[in-house]
Amino acid sequence: MSSSVVLGIESSCDETGAGLVENGRLLGHAVASSMDEHARFGGVVPEIATRAHLHSLTPVVHRALDEAGLRMADIGAVAVTTGPGLSGALQVGLAGAKALAYALDVPLYGVHHLAGHVAADTLEHGPLPDPCMVLIVSGGHTSLLLVRDLARDPIVHLGDTVDDAAGECFDKVARAFGLPYPGGPAIDRAAREGKPDAVVFPRPLTGPRDDPYAFSFSGLKTAAARWAERHRGGVLPVADGAAALQEAVADVLTRKAVAACVRHGVDTLVVVGGVAANSRVRALAQERCGAAGITLRVPPLRLCTDNGAMIAAVGDLLARAGAEPAPHDVSIDPSAPLEFAALHPVAALSVR
């Protein structure tokens, strides 16, 4: 009798993750992060991330199996992130996943990284409503999506960032404020002691003639950096700047997401991605959803950042939906757009 346990592997950036999911239930997962190795550079160094994945992948898979009380032989399918992400990092995860799937003689599913973030919420709150509005906010992506059946239907983009993502804004402004990398958690911590109305930062693309669902954080980043520069030689009120920046980001994100729900008649908003861990984003989303009669769903903090459990969750959905497994020559796509949850790119062969 074949097993229905899906092993998920995530290696798109600086976290190596493995998770085990069966019929929508998380059995166990483990994550190894190389973040500390990147901190002194102020951002992720692809070569360092790739080497860290090579060292961490096998131990992380075994840790997830131990947590779940399972053996390799209990795995019935393997799912792996095939994009988007860092090329070398993705290759490590895909090579490991292919090896496991081949050795165990089980299907392999390629998964879009952002679909994984969407599916992460199902591990805490159950199946996604059809339809639901999804706000993805992370270091590299900020998107507003209309999602129906995640395993079967195309994902509709209502709006995306036209420049910097929200998490990227946090990282770059944190450096201007003299805060450590990663910037998101550092801004959140500093903001606790600050006043959000102490500095007036812009709310990009919120005017009456702007695209109601598009995002832009480049101008906000510049405004915050210039504010910091004006204090050069004096005392920089970091807490106030962090609180004001966080308020501006949370205001724009939640304002557009709730407006999209109302406009499209959708009564559930799902907020996912690393920036979904931000305390002000969560609080303001809850406040505005409550006022609009919208149900808010946000994954627990441990599932907001990159992890293998979310990839296993997509693989589990695909397997139960009867989706076609990836071909044997499945490759990676570091810049893949989010169109479907399954992502099975095949490398083109050059002919001389």
Protein backbone atom coordinates (compact mmCIF):
# COMPACT_ATOMS: atom_id res chain seq x y z
CA MET A 1 0.00 0.00 0.00
CA SER A 2 1.52 3.34 -1.04
CA SER A 3 2.07 6.06 1.55
CA SER A 4 0.36 9.46 1.33
CA VAL A 5 3.09 11.27 3.27
CA VAL A 6 4.69 14.10 1.26
CA LEU A 7 8.21 15.33 1.97
CA GLY A 8 8.72 18.98 1.08
CA ILE A 9 12.13 20.57 0.48
CA GLU A 10 12.75 24.33 0.41
CA SER A 11 16.10 25.90 -0.54
CA SER A 12 15.30 29.06 -2.49
CA CYS A 13 17.26 31.51 -0.35
CA ASP A 14 19.02 31.26 3.02
CA GLU A 15 16.86 28.68 4.80
CA THR A 16 17.11 24.94 4.22
CA GLY A 17 13.75 23.43 5.11
CA ALA A 18 12.17 19.99 5.15
CA GLY A 19 8.59 19.20 6.12
CA LEU A 20 6.27 16.21 6.13
CA VAL A 21 2.55 16.58 5.43
CA GLU A 22 -0.20 13.99 5.09
CA ASN A 23 -3.75 14.88 4.07
CA GLY A 24 -3.33 18.50 5.09
CA ARG A 25 -1.77 17.71 8.46
CA LEU A 26 1.76 18.75 9.39
CA LEU A 27 3.62 15.78 10.85
CA GLY A 28 7.02 17.37 11.39
CA HIS A 29 9.42 19.90 9.97
CA ALA A 30 12.90 21.32 10.48
CA VAL A 31 14.75 24.41 9.26
CA ALA A 32 18.43 25.33 9.15
CA SER A 33 19.25 28.98 8.48
CA SER A 34 22.49 30.49 7.21
CA MET A 35 21.29 34.00 8.11
CA ASP A 36 24.08 34.61 10.62
CA GLU A 37 26.67 33.96 7.90
CA HIS A 38 25.11 36.67 5.72
CA ALA A 39 24.55 39.27 8.44
CA ARG A 40 28.00 40.87 8.19
CA PHE A 41 27.41 41.48 4.48
CA GLY A 42 24.05 43.14 5.06
CA GLY A 43 22.23 40.71 2.75
CA VAL A 44 22.21 37.20 1.34
CA VAL A 45 25.37 36.11 -0.49
CA PRO A 46 24.31 33.45 -3.06
CA GLU A 47 27.52 31.40 -2.88
CA ILE A 48 27.37 31.21 0.92
CA ALA A 49 23.70 30.22 0.81
CA THR A 50 24.37 27.47 -1.72
CA ARG A 51 27.20 25.98 0.32
CA ALA A 52 25.06 26.09 3.46
CA HIS A 53 22.29 24.16 1.68
CA LEU A 54 24.79 21.48 0.68
CA HIS A 55 25.80 21.00 4.31
CA SER A 56 22.30 21.23 5.78
CA LEU A 57 19.94 19.39 3.43
CA THR A 58 20.46 15.80 4.58
CA PRO A 59 20.52 16.62 8.33
CA VAL A 60 17.39 18.75 8.01
CA VAL A 61 15.48 15.95 6.24
CA HIS A 62 16.48 13.52 9.01
CA ARG A 63 15.45 16.00 11.71
CA ALA A 64 12.01 16.39 10.12
CA LEU A 65 11.62 12.61 9.90
CA ASP A 66 12.65 12.23 13.55
CA GLU A 67 10.15 14.87 14.66
CA ALA A 68 7.40 13.07 12.75
CA GLY A 69 8.47 9.64 14.00
CA LEU A 70 8.82 8.41 10.43
CA ARG A 71 11.40 6.61 8.28
CA MET A 72 12.50 7.30 4.72
CA ALA A 73 10.41 4.33 3.60
CA ASP A 74 7.27 6.12 4.85
CA ILE A 75 7.59 8.89 2.25
CA GLY A 76 5.07 8.56 -0.58
CA ALA A 77 6.00 11.63 -2.64
CA VAL A 78 8.57 14.43 -2.71
CA ALA A 79 7.86 18.10 -3.41
CA VAL A 80 10.57 20.71 -3.97
CA THR A 81 10.82 24.41 -4.68
CA THR A 82 11.79 24.88 -8.35
CA GLY A 83 11.56 28.69 -8.35
CA PRO A 84 11.80 31.54 -7.95
CA GLY A 85 14.97 32.02 -5.91
CA LEU A 86 18.75 31.90 -6.03
CA SER A 87 19.90 29.65 -8.86
CA GLY A 88 22.56 27.69 -6.99
CA ALA A 89 20.39 27.34 -3.91
CA LEU A 90 17.48 25.99 -5.95
CA GLN A 91 19.76 23.51 -7.71
CA VAL A 92 20.86 22.01 -4.39
CA GLY A 93 17.29 21.42 -3.27
CA LEU A 94 16.21 20.02 -6.63
CA ALA A 95 19.18 17.64 -6.83
CA GLY A 96 18.45 16.33 -3.35
CA ALA A 97 14.76 15.95 -4.06
CA LYS A 98 15.40 14.11 -7.32
CA ALA A 99 17.80 11.74 -5.60
CA LEU A 100 15.30 10.93 -2.86
CA ALA A 101 12.37 10.51 -5.25
CA TYR A 102 14.43 8.23 -7.49
CA ALA A 103 15.79 6.14 -4.60
CA LEU A 104 12.34 5.76 -3.02
CA ASP A 105 10.59 5.30 -6.40
CA VAL A 106 7.98 7.95 -5.57
CA PRO A 107 6.54 10.89 -7.55
CA LEU A 108 8.28 14.27 -7.57
CA TYR A 109 6.38 17.57 -7.68
CA GLY A 110 7.94 20.94 -8.52
CA VAL A 111 6.42 23.76 -6.50
CA HIS A 112 6.36 27.53 -6.91
CA HIS A 113 7.89 29.09 -3.81
CA LEU A 114 5.13 31.71 -3.42
CA ALA A 115 2.40 29.08 -3.70
CA GLY A 116 4.14 27.44 -0.76
CA HIS A 117 3.64 30.56 1.32
CA VAL A 118 -0.05 30.53 0.43
CA ALA A 119 -0.40 26.87 1.39
CA ALA A 120 1.41 27.40 4.70
CA ASP A 121 -1.79 28.81 6.15
CA THR A 122 -3.68 25.58 5.46
CA LEU A 123 -1.44 23.74 7.92
CA GLU A 124 -2.83 25.90 10.74
CA HIS A 125 -6.35 26.85 9.63
CA GLY A 126 -7.42 24.12 7.20
CA PRO A 127 -8.41 24.35 3.53
CA LEU A 128 -8.48 27.77 1.89
CA PRO A 129 -11.93 29.20 1.14
CA ASP A 130 -12.79 29.39 -2.56
CA PRO A 131 -12.28 32.19 -3.34
CA CYS A 132 -9.96 34.01 -0.96
CA MET A 133 -7.78 37.08 -1.19
CA VAL A 134 -4.08 36.50 -0.50
CA LEU A 135 -1.55 39.18 0.39
CA ILE A 136 2.02 37.88 -0.01
CA VAL A 137 4.59 40.09 1.69
CA SER A 138 8.24 39.06 1.89
CA GLY A 139 11.76 40.26 1.27
CA GLY A 140 11.50 39.78 -2.46
CA HIS A 141 7.78 39.81 -3.24
CA THR A 142 4.68 41.86 -2.52
CA SER A 143 1.56 40.69 -4.34
CA LEU A 144 -2.20 40.76 -4.01
CA LEU A 145 -3.76 37.57 -5.38
CA LEU A 146 -7.22 36.15 -5.96
CA VAL A 147 -6.98 32.43 -5.23
CA ARG A 148 -9.57 29.75 -5.91
CA ASP A 149 -8.49 26.10 -5.96
CA LEU A 150 -4.76 26.40 -5.31
CA ALA A 151 -3.95 22.95 -6.73
CA ARG A 152 -6.02 23.25 -9.91
CA ASP A 153 -6.80 26.83 -10.88
CA PRO A 154 -4.63 29.64 -12.22
CA ILE A 155 -3.69 32.29 -9.66
CA VAL A 156 -4.99 35.76 -10.50
CA HIS A 157 -2.67 38.70 -9.83
CA LEU A 158 -4.61 41.82 -8.88
CA GLY A 159 -1.47 43.78 -8.07
CA ASP A 160 2.27 43.44 -7.50
CA THR A 161 5.08 45.73 -6.45
CA VAL A 162 6.42 47.88 -9.25
CA ASP A 163 9.83 48.23 -7.56
CA ASP A 164 10.95 47.24 -4.04
CA ALA A 165 9.09 44.65 -1.99
CA ALA A 166 7.97 45.50 1.55
CA GLY A 167 10.63 43.30 3.14
CA GLU A 168 13.32 44.80 0.94
CA CYS A 169 12.25 48.25 2.14
CA PHE A 170 12.62 47.13 5.76
CA ASP A 171 16.08 45.65 5.10
CA LYS A 172 17.46 48.72 3.35
CA VAL A 173 16.02 51.27 5.76
CA ALA A 174 17.25 49.23 8.72
CA ARG A 175 20.78 49.61 7.38
CA ALA A 176 20.28 53.39 7.05
CA PHE A 177 19.06 53.42 10.67
CA GLY A 178 22.10 51.46 11.85
CA LEU A 179 20.04 48.37 12.67
CA PRO A 180 21.22 44.79 12.00
CA TYR A 181 20.25 42.44 9.19
CA PRO A 182 17.62 41.11 8.68
CA GLY A 183 15.90 44.46 8.83
CA GLY A 184 12.29 43.36 9.28
CA PRO A 185 12.61 41.92 12.80
CA ALA A 186 15.02 44.73 13.78
CA ILE A 187 12.55 47.42 12.66
CA ASP A 188 9.74 45.62 14.51
CA ARG A 189 11.75 45.48 17.75
CA ALA A 190 12.87 49.11 17.55
CA ALA A 191 9.34 50.31 16.76
CA ARG A 192 8.03 49.09 20.12
CA GLU A 193 9.65 52.07 21.83
CA GLY A 194 8.71 54.63 19.16
CA LYS A 195 5.77 56.81 18.17
CA PRO A 196 4.31 56.02 14.72
CA ASP A 197 3.10 59.60 14.27
CA ALA A 198 6.46 61.17 15.16
CA VAL A 199 7.51 61.18 11.49
CA VAL A 200 5.24 61.56 8.48
CA PHE A 201 6.35 59.13 5.80
CA PRO A 202 4.56 58.85 2.40
CA ARG A 203 1.95 56.19 1.55
CA PRO A 204 2.94 55.25 -2.03
CA LEU A 205 0.33 54.60 -4.73
CA THR A 206 -2.65 55.45 -2.52
CA GLY A 207 -3.93 58.44 -4.52
CA PRO A 208 -7.26 58.46 -6.37
CA ARG A 209 -5.57 58.04 -9.76
CA ASP A 210 -3.13 55.33 -8.71
CA ASP A 211 -3.54 51.64 -9.41
CA PRO A 212 -5.58 50.53 -6.37
CA TYR A 213 -3.80 47.18 -6.03
CA ALA A 214 -0.21 47.96 -7.11
CA PHE A 215 2.54 48.51 -4.55
CA SER A 216 5.67 50.66 -4.49
CA PHE A 217 8.12 50.94 -1.61
CA SER A 218 11.14 52.49 -3.31
CA GLY A 219 10.03 56.06 -2.60
CA LEU A 220 9.19 55.23 1.00
CA LYS A 221 12.64 53.67 1.40
CA THR A 222 14.27 56.82 0.00
CA ALA A 223 12.18 59.11 2.22
CA ALA A 224 13.19 57.17 5.32
CA ALA A 225 16.87 57.12 4.30
CA ARG A 226 16.86 60.90 3.70
CA TRP A 227 15.18 61.46 7.05
CA ALA A 228 18.02 59.51 8.67
CA GLU A 229 20.61 61.53 6.74
CA ARG A 230 19.17 64.78 8.10
CA HIS A 231 20.13 63.58 11.59
CA ARG A 232 23.74 62.84 10.62
CA GLY A 233 26.06 64.25 13.25
CA GLY A 234 23.30 64.24 15.84
CA VAL A 235 21.14 61.71 17.63
CA LEU A 236 18.95 59.62 15.32
CA PRO A 237 15.58 58.83 16.95
CA VAL A 238 15.63 55.27 15.62
CA ALA A 239 12.58 54.06 17.53
CA ASP A 240 10.36 56.83 16.15
CA GLY A 241 11.68 56.31 12.61
CA ALA A 242 11.12 52.55 12.84
CA ALA A 243 7.60 52.98 14.20
CA ALA A 244 6.70 55.51 11.50
CA LEU A 245 8.14 53.33 8.72
CA GLN A 246 6.36 50.23 10.00
CA GLU A 247 3.09 52.17 10.23
CA ALA A 248 3.41 53.40 6.63
CA VAL A 249 4.12 49.90 5.28
CA ALA A 250 1.31 48.30 7.30
CA ASP A 251 -1.11 51.05 6.31
CA VAL A 252 -0.50 50.62 2.57
CA LEU A 253 -0.56 46.81 2.66
CA THR A 254 -3.74 46.45 4.69
CA ARG A 255 -5.58 49.34 3.05
CA LYS A 256 -5.16 47.83 -0.41
CA ALA A 257 -5.84 44.26 0.69
CA VAL A 258 -9.08 45.09 2.48
CA ALA A 259 -10.22 47.29 -0.42
CA ALA A 260 -9.62 44.38 -2.81
CA CYS A 261 -11.70 42.05 -0.63
CA VAL A 262 -14.60 44.53 -0.57
CA ARG A 263 -14.38 45.27 -4.29
CA HIS A 264 -14.34 41.58 -5.28
CA GLY A 265 -16.84 40.38 -2.69
CA VAL A 266 -14.34 38.10 -0.96
CA ASP A 267 -14.83 37.58 2.77
CA THR A 268 -11.47 35.99 3.68
CA LEU A 269 -8.04 37.64 3.59
CA VAL A 270 -4.94 35.47 3.99
CA VAL A 271 -1.68 37.30 4.79
CA VAL A 272 1.48 35.23 4.26
CA GLY A 273 5.24 35.58 3.81
CA GLY A 274 8.03 36.77 6.07
CA VAL A 275 6.58 40.27 6.56
CA ALA A 276 3.35 38.65 7.80
CA ALA A 277 5.35 38.10 11.00
CA ASN A 278 5.49 41.88 11.56
CA SER A 279 3.46 42.77 14.64
CA ARG A 280 1.97 45.98 13.23
CA VAL A 281 0.99 44.38 9.92
CA ARG A 282 -0.82 41.64 11.83
CA ALA A 283 -2.53 44.04 14.24
CA LEU A 284 -3.67 46.55 11.61
CA ALA A 285 -4.88 43.76 9.32
CA GLN A 286 -6.95 42.35 12.19
CA GLU A 287 -8.35 45.77 13.02
CA ARG A 288 -9.34 46.64 9.46
CA CYS A 289 -10.67 43.18 8.61
CA GLY A 290 -12.79 43.22 11.75
CA ALA A 291 -14.26 46.60 10.81
CA ALA A 292 -15.05 45.36 7.28
CA GLY A 293 -16.53 42.01 8.34
CA ILE A 294 -13.68 40.08 6.71
CA THR A 295 -12.14 36.95 8.19
CA LEU A 296 -8.37 37.28 8.58
CA ARG A 297 -6.07 34.27 8.38
CA VAL A 298 -2.34 34.54 9.15
CA PRO A 299 -0.04 31.53 9.64
CA PRO A 300 1.79 31.16 12.96
CA LEU A 301 5.19 32.85 13.08
CA ARG A 302 7.09 29.59 12.55
CA LEU A 303 5.38 29.15 9.16
CA CYS A 304 5.68 32.74 7.91
CA THR A 305 9.33 32.55 6.92
CA ASP A 306 10.68 30.03 4.39
CA ASN A 307 10.24 26.39 5.42
CA GLY A 308 9.83 22.93 3.94
CA ALA A 309 6.42 22.36 5.49
CA MET A 310 4.79 24.86 3.14
CA ILE A 311 6.28 23.10 0.11
CA ALA A 312 5.07 19.76 1.43
CA ALA A 313 1.61 21.33 1.87
CA VAL A 314 1.50 22.20 -1.85
CA GLY A 315 2.79 18.76 -2.81
CA ASP A 316 0.08 17.21 -0.65
CA LEU A 317 -2.60 19.32 -2.37
CA LEU A 318 -1.24 18.44 -5.82
CA ALA A 319 -1.08 14.72 -5.05
CA ARG A 320 -4.63 14.65 -3.68
CA ALA A 321 -5.87 16.61 -6.71
CA GLY A 322 -4.37 13.98 -9.04
CA ALA A 323 -1.91 16.44 -10.57
CA GLU A 324 0.71 15.16 -12.98
CA PRO A 325 4.13 14.72 -11.31
CA ALA A 326 7.16 16.56 -12.64
CA PRO A 327 9.00 15.07 -15.64
CA HIS A 328 12.36 13.43 -15.00
CA ASP A 329 14.17 16.39 -16.57
CA VAL A 330 12.45 19.06 -14.46
CA SER A 331 14.75 22.00 -13.82
CA ILE A 332 14.58 25.35 -12.02
CA ASP A 333 13.36 28.82 -12.95
CA PRO A 334 14.95 31.46 -10.67
CA SER A 335 12.58 34.19 -11.89
CA ALA A 336 9.39 32.17 -12.41
CA PRO A 337 6.16 34.21 -12.32
CA LEU A 338 3.41 32.86 -10.09
CA GLU A 339 0.75 31.39 -12.38
CA PHE A 340 0.05 27.95 -10.89
CA ALA A 341 1.10 26.20 -7.69
CA ALA A 342 2.93 23.49 -9.65
CA LEU A 343 6.12 24.63 -11.38
CA HIS A 344 7.81 22.16 -13.74
CA PRO A 345 10.34 24.08 -15.88
CA VAL A 346 12.49 22.07 -18.25
CA ALA A 347 15.92 23.36 -19.22
CA ALA A 348 16.31 23.99 -22.94
CA LEU A 349 19.15 22.07 -24.55
CA SER A 350 21.48 24.11 -26.72
CA VAL A 351 22.23 22.57 -30.09
CA ARG A 352 25.48 23.46 -31.83
